[in-house]
Amino acid sequence: MVEGVAKVYNPTGLHDYSISQLTNFTNKFKCRIYLIQDNIVSNAKSTLNVLMLDLEQGSDVTVRVDGMNEENVLKEVIHYIESFKS
């Protein structure tokens, strides 16, 4: 299991469309991926779970990856979150 922190730079945060895009992205990986904020652990492959985090611009979110190729997946997910533009 590996963890890292991503910062949300998108001016509107991560909501609706962007979360849908994020969960589509994370679902292509075979490992378990979680997003953690304020002690709330959300399955990054579930739109409803990620919506519960209410990720606004400037938010730091911990990304936890467990499974196959976890180091590379962690880097890709962090990059995806930080570079998302709506």
PDB file of N, CA and C in Angstrom:
ATOM      1  N   MET A   1       0.846  -1.167   0.000  1.00  0.00           N
ATOM      2  CA  MET A   1       0.000   0.000   0.000  1.00  0.00           C
ATOM      3  C   MET A   1       0.898   1.238   0.000  1.00  0.00           C
ATOM      4  N   VAL A   2       0.546   2.214  -0.836  1.00  0.00           N
ATOM      5  CA  VAL A   2       1.286   3.477  -0.908  1.00  0.00           C
ATOM      6  C   VAL A   2       0.298   4.634  -0.800  1.00  0.00           C
ATOM      7  N   GLU A   3       0.798   5.764  -0.312  1.00  0.00           N
ATOM      8  CA  GLU A   3      -0.035   6.962  -0.177  1.00  0.00           C
ATOM      9  C   GLU A   3       0.728   8.181  -0.647  1.00  0.00           C
ATOM     10  N   GLY A   4      -0.021   9.167  -1.093  1.00  0.00           N
ATOM     11  CA  GLY A   4       0.537  10.454  -1.470  1.00  0.00           C
ATOM     12  C   GLY A   4      -0.559  11.498  -1.351  1.00  0.00           C
ATOM     13  N   VAL A   5      -0.174  12.759  -1.469  1.00  0.00           N
ATOM     14  CA  VAL A   5      -1.144  13.841  -1.336  1.00  0.00           C
ATOM     15  C   VAL A   5      -1.266  14.587  -2.654  1.00  0.00           C
ATOM     16  N   ALA A   6      -2.506  14.853  -3.060  1.00  0.00           N
ATOM     17  CA  ALA A   6      -2.795  15.638  -4.257  1.00  0.00           C
ATOM     18  C   ALA A   6      -3.488  16.921  -3.829  1.00  0.00           C
ATOM     19  N   LYS A   7      -3.198  18.009  -4.534  1.00  0.00           N
ATOM     20  CA  LYS A   7      -3.878  19.271  -4.287  1.00  0.00           C
ATOM     21  C   LYS A   7      -4.848  19.517  -5.440  1.00  0.00           C
ATOM     22  N   VAL A   8      -6.041  19.974  -5.103  1.00  0.00           N
ATOM     23  CA  VAL A   8      -7.049  20.291  -6.113  1.00  0.00           C
ATOM     24  C   VAL A   8      -6.809  21.725  -6.582  1.00  0.00           C
ATOM     25  N   TYR A   9      -6.416  21.879  -7.837  1.00  0.00           N
ATOM     26  CA  TYR A   9      -6.144  23.206  -8.399  1.00  0.00           C
ATOM     27  C   TYR A   9      -7.313  23.732  -9.232  1.00  0.00           C
ATOM     28  N   ASN A  10      -8.193  22.847  -9.651  1.00  0.00           N
ATOM     29  CA  ASN A  10      -9.315  23.248 -10.501  1.00  0.00           C
ATOM     30  C   ASN A  10     -10.122  24.344  -9.801  1.00  0.00           C
ATOM     31  N   PRO A  11     -10.380  25.476 -10.471  1.00  0.00           N
ATOM     32  CA  PRO A  11     -11.078  26.599  -9.840  1.00  0.00           C
ATOM     33  C   PRO A  11     -12.450  26.242  -9.261  1.00  0.00           C
ATOM     34  N   THR A  12     -13.111  25.262  -9.821  1.00  0.00           N
ATOM     35  CA  THR A  12     -14.430  24.880  -9.305  1.00  0.00           C
ATOM     36  C   THR A  12     -14.359  23.662  -8.395  1.00  0.00           C
ATOM     37  N   GLY A  13     -13.152  23.239  -8.047  1.00  0.00           N
ATOM     38  CA  GLY A  13     -13.004  22.045  -7.228  1.00  0.00           C
ATOM     39  C   GLY A  13     -13.333  20.808  -8.044  1.00  0.00           C
ATOM     40  N   LEU A  14     -13.637  19.724  -7.366  1.00  0.00           N
ATOM     41  CA  LEU A  14     -14.056  18.498  -8.050  1.00  0.00           C
ATOM     42  C   LEU A  14     -15.511  18.233  -7.708  1.00  0.00           C
ATOM     43  N   HIS A  15     -16.369  18.389  -8.684  1.00  0.00           N
ATOM     44  CA  HIS A  15     -17.799  18.187  -8.525  1.00  0.00           C
ATOM     45  C   HIS A  15     -18.355  17.517  -9.772  1.00  0.00           C
ATOM     46  N   ASP A  16     -19.484  16.894  -9.648  1.00  0.00           N
ATOM     47  CA  ASP A  16     -20.255  16.278 -10.723  1.00  0.00           C
ATOM     48  C   ASP A  16     -19.426  15.761 -11.892  1.00  0.00           C
ATOM     49  N   TYR A  17     -19.267  16.565 -12.939  1.00  0.00           N
ATOM     50  CA  TYR A  17     -18.597  16.115 -14.162  1.00  0.00           C
ATOM     51  C   TYR A  17     -17.166  15.685 -13.891  1.00  0.00           C
ATOM     52  N   SER A  18     -16.419  16.495 -13.148  1.00  0.00           N
ATOM     53  CA  SER A  18     -15.011  16.171 -12.915  1.00  0.00           C
ATOM     54  C   SER A  18     -14.866  14.900 -12.083  1.00  0.00           C
ATOM     55  N   ILE A  19     -15.765  14.680 -11.150  1.00  0.00           N
ATOM     56  CA  ILE A  19     -15.720  13.443 -10.361  1.00  0.00           C
ATOM     57  C   ILE A  19     -16.075  12.246 -11.229  1.00  0.00           C
ATOM     58  N   SER A  20     -17.029  12.421 -12.114  1.00  0.00           N
ATOM     59  CA  SER A  20     -17.382  11.351 -13.040  1.00  0.00           C
ATOM     60  C   SER A  20     -16.170  10.981 -13.905  1.00  0.00           C
ATOM     61  N   GLN A  21     -15.455  11.994 -14.372  1.00  0.00           N
ATOM     62  CA  GLN A  21     -14.248  11.746 -15.168  1.00  0.00           C
ATOM     63  C   GLN A  21     -13.176  11.049 -14.326  1.00  0.00           C
ATOM     64  N   LEU A  22     -13.025  11.483 -13.075  1.00  0.00           N
ATOM     65  CA  LEU A  22     -12.042  10.872 -12.186  1.00  0.00           C
ATOM     66  C   LEU A  22     -12.361   9.403 -11.926  1.00  0.00           C
ATOM     67  N   THR A  23     -13.619   9.088 -11.649  1.00  0.00           N
ATOM     68  CA  THR A  23     -13.967   7.688 -11.373  1.00  0.00           C
ATOM     69  C   THR A  23     -13.832   6.831 -12.629  1.00  0.00           C
ATOM     70  N   ASN A  24     -14.118   7.391 -13.796  1.00  0.00           N
ATOM     71  CA  ASN A  24     -13.871   6.644 -15.039  1.00  0.00           C
ATOM     72  C   ASN A  24     -12.381   6.339 -15.174  1.00  0.00           C
ATOM     73  N   PHE A  25     -11.547   7.315 -14.833  1.00  0.00           N
ATOM     74  CA  PHE A  25     -10.094   7.148 -14.899  1.00  0.00           C
ATOM     75  C   PHE A  25      -9.622   6.083 -13.917  1.00  0.00           C
ATOM     76  N   THR A  26     -10.071   6.153 -12.667  1.00  0.00           N
ATOM     77  CA  THR A  26      -9.595   5.207 -11.651  1.00  0.00           C
ATOM     78  C   THR A  26     -10.097   3.790 -11.898  1.00  0.00           C
ATOM     79  N   ASN A  27     -11.240   3.658 -12.544  1.00  0.00           N
ATOM     80  CA  ASN A  27     -11.787   2.324 -12.806  1.00  0.00           C
ATOM     81  C   ASN A  27     -10.986   1.533 -13.829  1.00  0.00           C
ATOM     82  N   LYS A  28     -10.078   2.176 -14.534  1.00  0.00           N
ATOM     83  CA  LYS A  28      -9.265   1.421 -15.504  1.00  0.00           C
ATOM     84  C   LYS A  28      -8.150   0.632 -14.820  1.00  0.00           C
ATOM     85  N   PHE A  29      -7.903   0.914 -13.532  1.00  0.00           N
ATOM     86  CA  PHE A  29      -6.852   0.228 -12.790  1.00  0.00           C
ATOM     87  C   PHE A  29      -7.439  -0.942 -12.000  1.00  0.00           C
ATOM     88  N   LYS A  30      -6.661  -2.007 -11.857  1.00  0.00           N
ATOM     89  CA  LYS A  30      -7.140  -3.201 -11.162  1.00  0.00           C
ATOM     90  C   LYS A  30      -6.928  -3.146  -9.659  1.00  0.00           C
ATOM     91  N   CYS A  31      -6.191  -2.160  -9.176  1.00  0.00           N
ATOM     92  CA  CYS A  31      -5.922  -2.062  -7.740  1.00  0.00           C
ATOM     93  C   CYS A  31      -7.024  -1.269  -7.026  1.00  0.00           C
ATOM     94  N   ARG A  32      -6.958  -1.282  -5.707  1.00  0.00           N
ATOM     95  CA  ARG A  32      -7.903  -0.510  -4.894  1.00  0.00           C
ATOM     96  C   ARG A  32      -7.353   0.900  -4.734  1.00  0.00           C
ATOM     97  N   ILE A  33      -8.216   1.900  -4.938  1.00  0.00           N
ATOM     98  CA  ILE A  33      -7.800   3.299  -4.853  1.00  0.00           C
ATOM     99  C   ILE A  33      -8.791   4.029  -3.944  1.00  0.00           C
ATOM    100  N   TYR A  34      -8.242   4.744  -2.977  1.00  0.00           N
ATOM    101  CA  TYR A  34      -9.078   5.486  -2.027  1.00  0.00           C
ATOM    102  C   TYR A  34      -8.631   6.941  -1.979  1.00  0.00           C
ATOM    103  N   LEU A  35      -9.575   7.828  -1.742  1.00  0.00           N
ATOM    104  CA  LEU A  35      -9.290   9.229  -1.481  1.00  0.00           C
ATOM    105  C   LEU A  35      -9.682   9.499  -0.040  1.00  0.00           C
ATOM    106  N   ILE A  36      -8.830  10.205   0.691  1.00  0.00           N
ATOM    107  CA  ILE A  36      -9.052  10.425   2.115  1.00  0.00           C
ATOM    108  C   ILE A  36      -8.927  11.915   2.417  1.00  0.00           C
ATOM    109  N   GLN A  37      -9.947  12.444   3.080  1.00  0.00           N
ATOM    110  CA  GLN A  37      -9.911  13.839   3.528  1.00  0.00           C
ATOM    111  C   GLN A  37     -10.684  13.941   4.834  1.00  0.00           C
ATOM    112  N   ASP A  38     -10.097  14.614   5.817  1.00  0.00           N
ATOM    113  CA  ASP A  38     -10.737  14.796   7.130  1.00  0.00           C
ATOM    114  C   ASP A  38     -11.215  13.471   7.716  1.00  0.00           C
ATOM    115  N   ASN A  39     -10.367  12.446   7.629  1.00  0.00           N
ATOM    116  CA  ASN A  39     -10.649  11.109   8.167  1.00  0.00           C
ATOM    117  C   ASN A  39     -11.816  10.401   7.490  1.00  0.00           C
ATOM    118  N   ILE A  40     -12.253  10.892   6.343  1.00  0.00           N
ATOM    119  CA  ILE A  40     -13.286  10.215   5.557  1.00  0.00           C
ATOM    120  C   ILE A  40     -12.577   9.485   4.421  1.00  0.00           C
ATOM    121  N   VAL A  41     -12.768   8.175   4.371  1.00  0.00           N
ATOM    122  CA  VAL A  41     -12.151   7.344   3.341  1.00  0.00           C
ATOM    123  C   VAL A  41     -13.206   7.015   2.290  1.00  0.00           C
ATOM    124  N   SER A  42     -12.904   7.386   1.034  1.00  0.00           N
ATOM    125  CA  SER A  42     -13.852   7.162  -0.054  1.00  0.00           C
ATOM    126  C   SER A  42     -13.225   6.302  -1.140  1.00  0.00           C
ATOM    127  N   ASN A  43     -14.012   5.401  -1.664  1.00  0.00           N
ATOM    128  CA  ASN A  43     -13.594   4.576  -2.789  1.00  0.00           C
ATOM    129  C   ASN A  43     -13.499   5.487  -4.018  1.00  0.00           C
ATOM    130  N   ALA A  44     -12.307   5.630  -4.589  1.00  0.00           N
ATOM    131  CA  ALA A  44     -12.102   6.527  -5.728  1.00  0.00           C
ATOM    132  C   ALA A  44     -12.732   6.014  -7.016  1.00  0.00           C
ATOM    133  N   LYS A  45     -13.301   4.828  -6.970  1.00  0.00           N
ATOM    134  CA  LYS A  45     -13.968   4.278  -8.144  1.00  0.00           C
ATOM    135  C   LYS A  45     -15.477   4.474  -8.073  1.00  0.00           C
ATOM    136  N   SER A  46     -15.951   5.151  -7.031  1.00  0.00           N
ATOM    137  CA  SER A  46     -17.384   5.375  -6.827  1.00  0.00           C
ATOM    138  C   SER A  46     -17.687   6.873  -6.839  1.00  0.00           C
ATOM    139  N   THR A  47     -18.477   7.305  -7.792  1.00  0.00           N
ATOM    140  CA  THR A  47     -18.833   8.725  -7.907  1.00  0.00           C
ATOM    141  C   THR A  47     -19.474   9.239  -6.631  1.00  0.00           C
ATOM    142  N   LEU A  48     -20.422   8.499  -6.070  1.00  0.00           N
ATOM    143  CA  LEU A  48     -21.098   8.950  -4.856  1.00  0.00           C
ATOM    144  C   LEU A  48     -20.138   9.052  -3.680  1.00  0.00           C
ATOM    145  N   ASN A  49     -19.214   8.110  -3.563  1.00  0.00           N
ATOM    146  CA  ASN A  49     -18.232   8.159  -2.478  1.00  0.00           C
ATOM    147  C   ASN A  49     -17.349   9.393  -2.588  1.00  0.00           C
ATOM    148  N   VAL A  50     -16.884   9.714  -3.788  1.00  0.00           N
ATOM    149  CA  VAL A  50     -16.001  10.865  -3.976  1.00  0.00           C
ATOM    150  C   VAL A  50     -16.774  12.173  -3.778  1.00  0.00           C
ATOM    151  N   LEU A  51     -18.027  12.211  -4.199  1.00  0.00           N
ATOM    152  CA  LEU A  51     -18.854  13.414  -3.992  1.00  0.00           C
ATOM    153  C   LEU A  51     -18.947  13.787  -2.517  1.00  0.00           C
ATOM    154  N   MET A  52     -18.963  12.790  -1.645  1.00  0.00           N
ATOM    155  CA  MET A  52     -19.081  13.036  -0.208  1.00  0.00           C
ATOM    156  C   MET A  52     -17.898  13.833   0.350  1.00  0.00           C
ATOM    157  N   LEU A  53     -16.768  13.822  -0.342  1.00  0.00           N
ATOM    158  CA  LEU A  53     -15.596  14.530   0.148  1.00  0.00           C
ATOM    159  C   LEU A  53     -15.686  16.043  -0.046  1.00  0.00           C
ATOM    160  N   ASP A  54     -16.514  16.501  -0.985  1.00  0.00           N
ATOM    161  CA  ASP A  54     -16.688  17.932  -1.252  1.00  0.00           C
ATOM    162  C   ASP A  54     -15.327  18.611  -1.457  1.00  0.00           C
ATOM    163  N   LEU A  55     -14.625  18.185  -2.486  1.00  0.00           N
ATOM    164  CA  LEU A  55     -13.272  18.661  -2.750  1.00  0.00           C
ATOM    165  C   LEU A  55     -13.284  20.009  -3.470  1.00  0.00           C
ATOM    166  N   GLU A  56     -12.950  21.050  -2.746  1.00  0.00           N
ATOM    167  CA  GLU A  56     -12.919  22.413  -3.269  1.00  0.00           C
ATOM    168  C   GLU A  56     -11.512  22.760  -3.752  1.00  0.00           C
ATOM    169  N   GLN A  57     -11.399  23.854  -4.515  1.00  0.00           N
ATOM    170  CA  GLN A  57     -10.093  24.334  -4.940  1.00  0.00           C
ATOM    171  C   GLN A  57      -9.226  24.583  -3.711  1.00  0.00           C
ATOM    172  N   GLY A  58      -7.990  24.132  -3.773  1.00  0.00           N
ATOM    173  CA  GLY A  58      -7.055  24.298  -2.662  1.00  0.00           C
ATOM    174  C   GLY A  58      -7.064  23.147  -1.672  1.00  0.00           C
ATOM    175  N   SER A  59      -8.014  22.231  -1.808  1.00  0.00           N
ATOM    176  CA  SER A  59      -8.088  21.079  -0.909  1.00  0.00           C
ATOM    177  C   SER A  59      -6.903  20.149  -1.134  1.00  0.00           C
ATOM    178  N   ASP A  60      -6.386  19.597  -0.041  1.00  0.00           N
ATOM    179  CA  ASP A  60      -5.412  18.513  -0.120  1.00  0.00           C
ATOM    180  C   ASP A  60      -6.154  17.217   0.154  1.00  0.00           C
ATOM    181  N   VAL A  61      -5.942  16.234  -0.694  1.00  0.00           N
ATOM    182  CA  VAL A  61      -6.596  14.946  -0.522  1.00  0.00           C
ATOM    183  C   VAL A  61      -5.524  13.859  -0.586  1.00  0.00           C
ATOM    184  N   THR A  62      -5.584  12.940   0.363  1.00  0.00           N
ATOM    185  CA  THR A  62      -4.651  11.815   0.378  1.00  0.00           C
ATOM    186  C   THR A  62      -5.160  10.748  -0.583  1.00  0.00           C
ATOM    187  N   VAL A  63      -4.257  10.248  -1.401  1.00  0.00           N
ATOM    188  CA  VAL A  63      -4.570   9.171  -2.342  1.00  0.00           C
ATOM    189  C   VAL A  63      -3.883   7.919  -1.813  1.00  0.00           C
ATOM    190  N   ARG A  64      -4.642   6.860  -1.606  1.00  0.00           N
ATOM    191  CA  ARG A  64      -4.107   5.576  -1.139  1.00  0.00           C
ATOM    192  C   ARG A  64      -4.355   4.533  -2.221  1.00  0.00           C
ATOM    193  N   VAL A  65      -3.311   3.811  -2.576  1.00  0.00           N
ATOM    194  CA  VAL A  65      -3.405   2.788  -3.620  1.00  0.00           C
ATOM    195  C   VAL A  65      -2.863   1.483  -3.056  1.00  0.00           C
ATOM    196  N   ASP A  66      -3.603   0.407  -3.301  1.00  0.00           N
ATOM    197  CA  ASP A  66      -3.201  -0.905  -2.811  1.00  0.00           C
ATOM    198  C   ASP A  66      -3.432  -1.920  -3.917  1.00  0.00           C
ATOM    199  N   GLY A  67      -2.356  -2.567  -4.352  1.00  0.00           N
ATOM    200  CA  GLY A  67      -2.516  -3.596  -5.370  1.00  0.00           C
ATOM    201  C   GLY A  67      -1.458  -3.504  -6.454  1.00  0.00           C
ATOM    202  N   MET A  68      -1.801  -4.068  -7.587  1.00  0.00           N
ATOM    203  CA  MET A  68      -0.884  -4.202  -8.703  1.00  0.00           C
ATOM    204  C   MET A  68      -0.401  -2.841  -9.220  1.00  0.00           C
ATOM    205  N   ASN A  69       0.924  -2.693  -9.361  1.00  0.00           N
ATOM    206  CA  ASN A  69       1.533  -1.500  -9.947  1.00  0.00           C
ATOM    207  C   ASN A  69       1.188  -0.225  -9.170  1.00  0.00           C
ATOM    208  N   GLU A  70       1.094  -0.351  -7.851  1.00  0.00           N
ATOM    209  CA  GLU A  70       0.571   0.739  -7.012  1.00  0.00           C
ATOM    210  C   GLU A  70       1.380   2.033  -7.081  1.00  0.00           C
ATOM    211  N   GLU A  71       2.700   1.945  -7.203  1.00  0.00           N
ATOM    212  CA  GLU A  71       3.523   3.167  -7.261  1.00  0.00           C
ATOM    213  C   GLU A  71       3.168   4.004  -8.486  1.00  0.00           C
ATOM    214  N   ASN A  72       3.078   3.361  -9.640  1.00  0.00           N
ATOM    215  CA  ASN A  72       2.748   4.080 -10.874  1.00  0.00           C
ATOM    216  C   ASN A  72       1.316   4.586 -10.859  1.00  0.00           C
ATOM    217  N   VAL A  73       0.412   3.783 -10.338  1.00  0.00           N
ATOM    218  CA  VAL A  73      -0.991   4.203 -10.264  1.00  0.00           C
ATOM    219  C   VAL A  73      -1.119   5.432  -9.363  1.00  0.00           C
ATOM    220  N   LEU A  74      -0.412   5.425  -8.238  1.00  0.00           N
ATOM    221  CA  LEU A  74      -0.444   6.569  -7.330  1.00  0.00           C
ATOM    222  C   LEU A  74      -0.014   7.838  -8.062  1.00  0.00           C
ATOM    223  N   LYS A  75       1.091   7.783  -8.779  1.00  0.00           N
ATOM    224  CA  LYS A  75       1.586   8.938  -9.528  1.00  0.00           C
ATOM    225  C   LYS A  75       0.563   9.407 -10.563  1.00  0.00           C
ATOM    226  N   GLU A  76      -0.050   8.470 -11.266  1.00  0.00           N
ATOM    227  CA  GLU A  76      -1.021   8.832 -12.301  1.00  0.00           C
ATOM    228  C   GLU A  76      -2.267   9.487 -11.715  1.00  0.00           C
ATOM    229  N   VAL A  77      -2.766   8.955 -10.605  1.00  0.00           N
ATOM    230  CA  VAL A  77      -3.974   9.511  -9.989  1.00  0.00           C
ATOM    231  C   VAL A  77      -3.691  10.903  -9.428  1.00  0.00           C
ATOM    232  N   ILE A  78      -2.559  11.083  -8.755  1.00  0.00           N
ATOM    233  CA  ILE A  78      -2.207  12.402  -8.241  1.00  0.00           C
ATOM    234  C   ILE A  78      -2.076  13.399  -9.385  1.00  0.00           C
ATOM    235  N   HIS A  79      -1.397  13.011 -10.442  1.00  0.00           N
ATOM    236  CA  HIS A  79      -1.254  13.892 -11.613  1.00  0.00           C
ATOM    237  C   HIS A  79      -2.624  14.227 -12.205  1.00  0.00           C
ATOM    238  N   TYR A  80      -3.493  13.249 -12.300  1.00  0.00           N
ATOM    239  CA  TYR A  80      -4.836  13.481 -12.860  1.00  0.00           C
ATOM    240  C   TYR A  80      -5.593  14.516 -12.038  1.00  0.00           C
ATOM    241  N   ILE A  81      -5.594  14.355 -10.719  1.00  0.00           N
ATOM    242  CA  ILE A  81      -6.326  15.283  -9.844  1.00  0.00           C
ATOM    243  C   ILE A  81      -5.742  16.687  -9.943  1.00  0.00           C
ATOM    244  N   GLU A  82      -4.421  16.781  -9.918  1.00  0.00           N
ATOM    245  CA  GLU A  82      -3.778  18.097  -9.906  1.00  0.00           C
ATOM    246  C   GLU A  82      -3.861  18.815 -11.238  1.00  0.00           C
ATOM    247  N   SER A  83      -3.989  18.083 -12.319  1.00  0.00           N
ATOM    248  CA  SER A  83      -3.995  18.719 -13.644  1.00  0.00           C
ATOM    249  C   SER A  83      -5.392  18.871 -14.230  1.00  0.00           C
ATOM    250  N   PHE A  84      -6.426  18.413 -13.492  1.00  0.00           N
ATOM    251  CA  PHE A  84      -7.785  18.477 -14.049  1.00  0.00           C
ATOM    252  C   PHE A  84      -8.224  19.915 -14.229  1.00  0.00           C
ATOM    253  N   LYS A  85      -8.751  20.206 -15.406  1.00  0.00           N
ATOM    254  CA  LYS A  85      -9.313  21.528 -15.725  1.00  0.00           C
ATOM    255  C   LYS A  85     -10.718  21.319 -16.266  1.00  0.00           C
ATOM    256  N   SER A  86     -11.667  22.023 -15.687  1.00  0.00           N
ATOM    257  CA  SER A  86     -13.048  21.873 -16.191  1.00  0.00           C
ATOM    258  C   SER A  86     -13.379  22.952 -17.180  1.00  0.00           C
TER     259      SER A  86
END
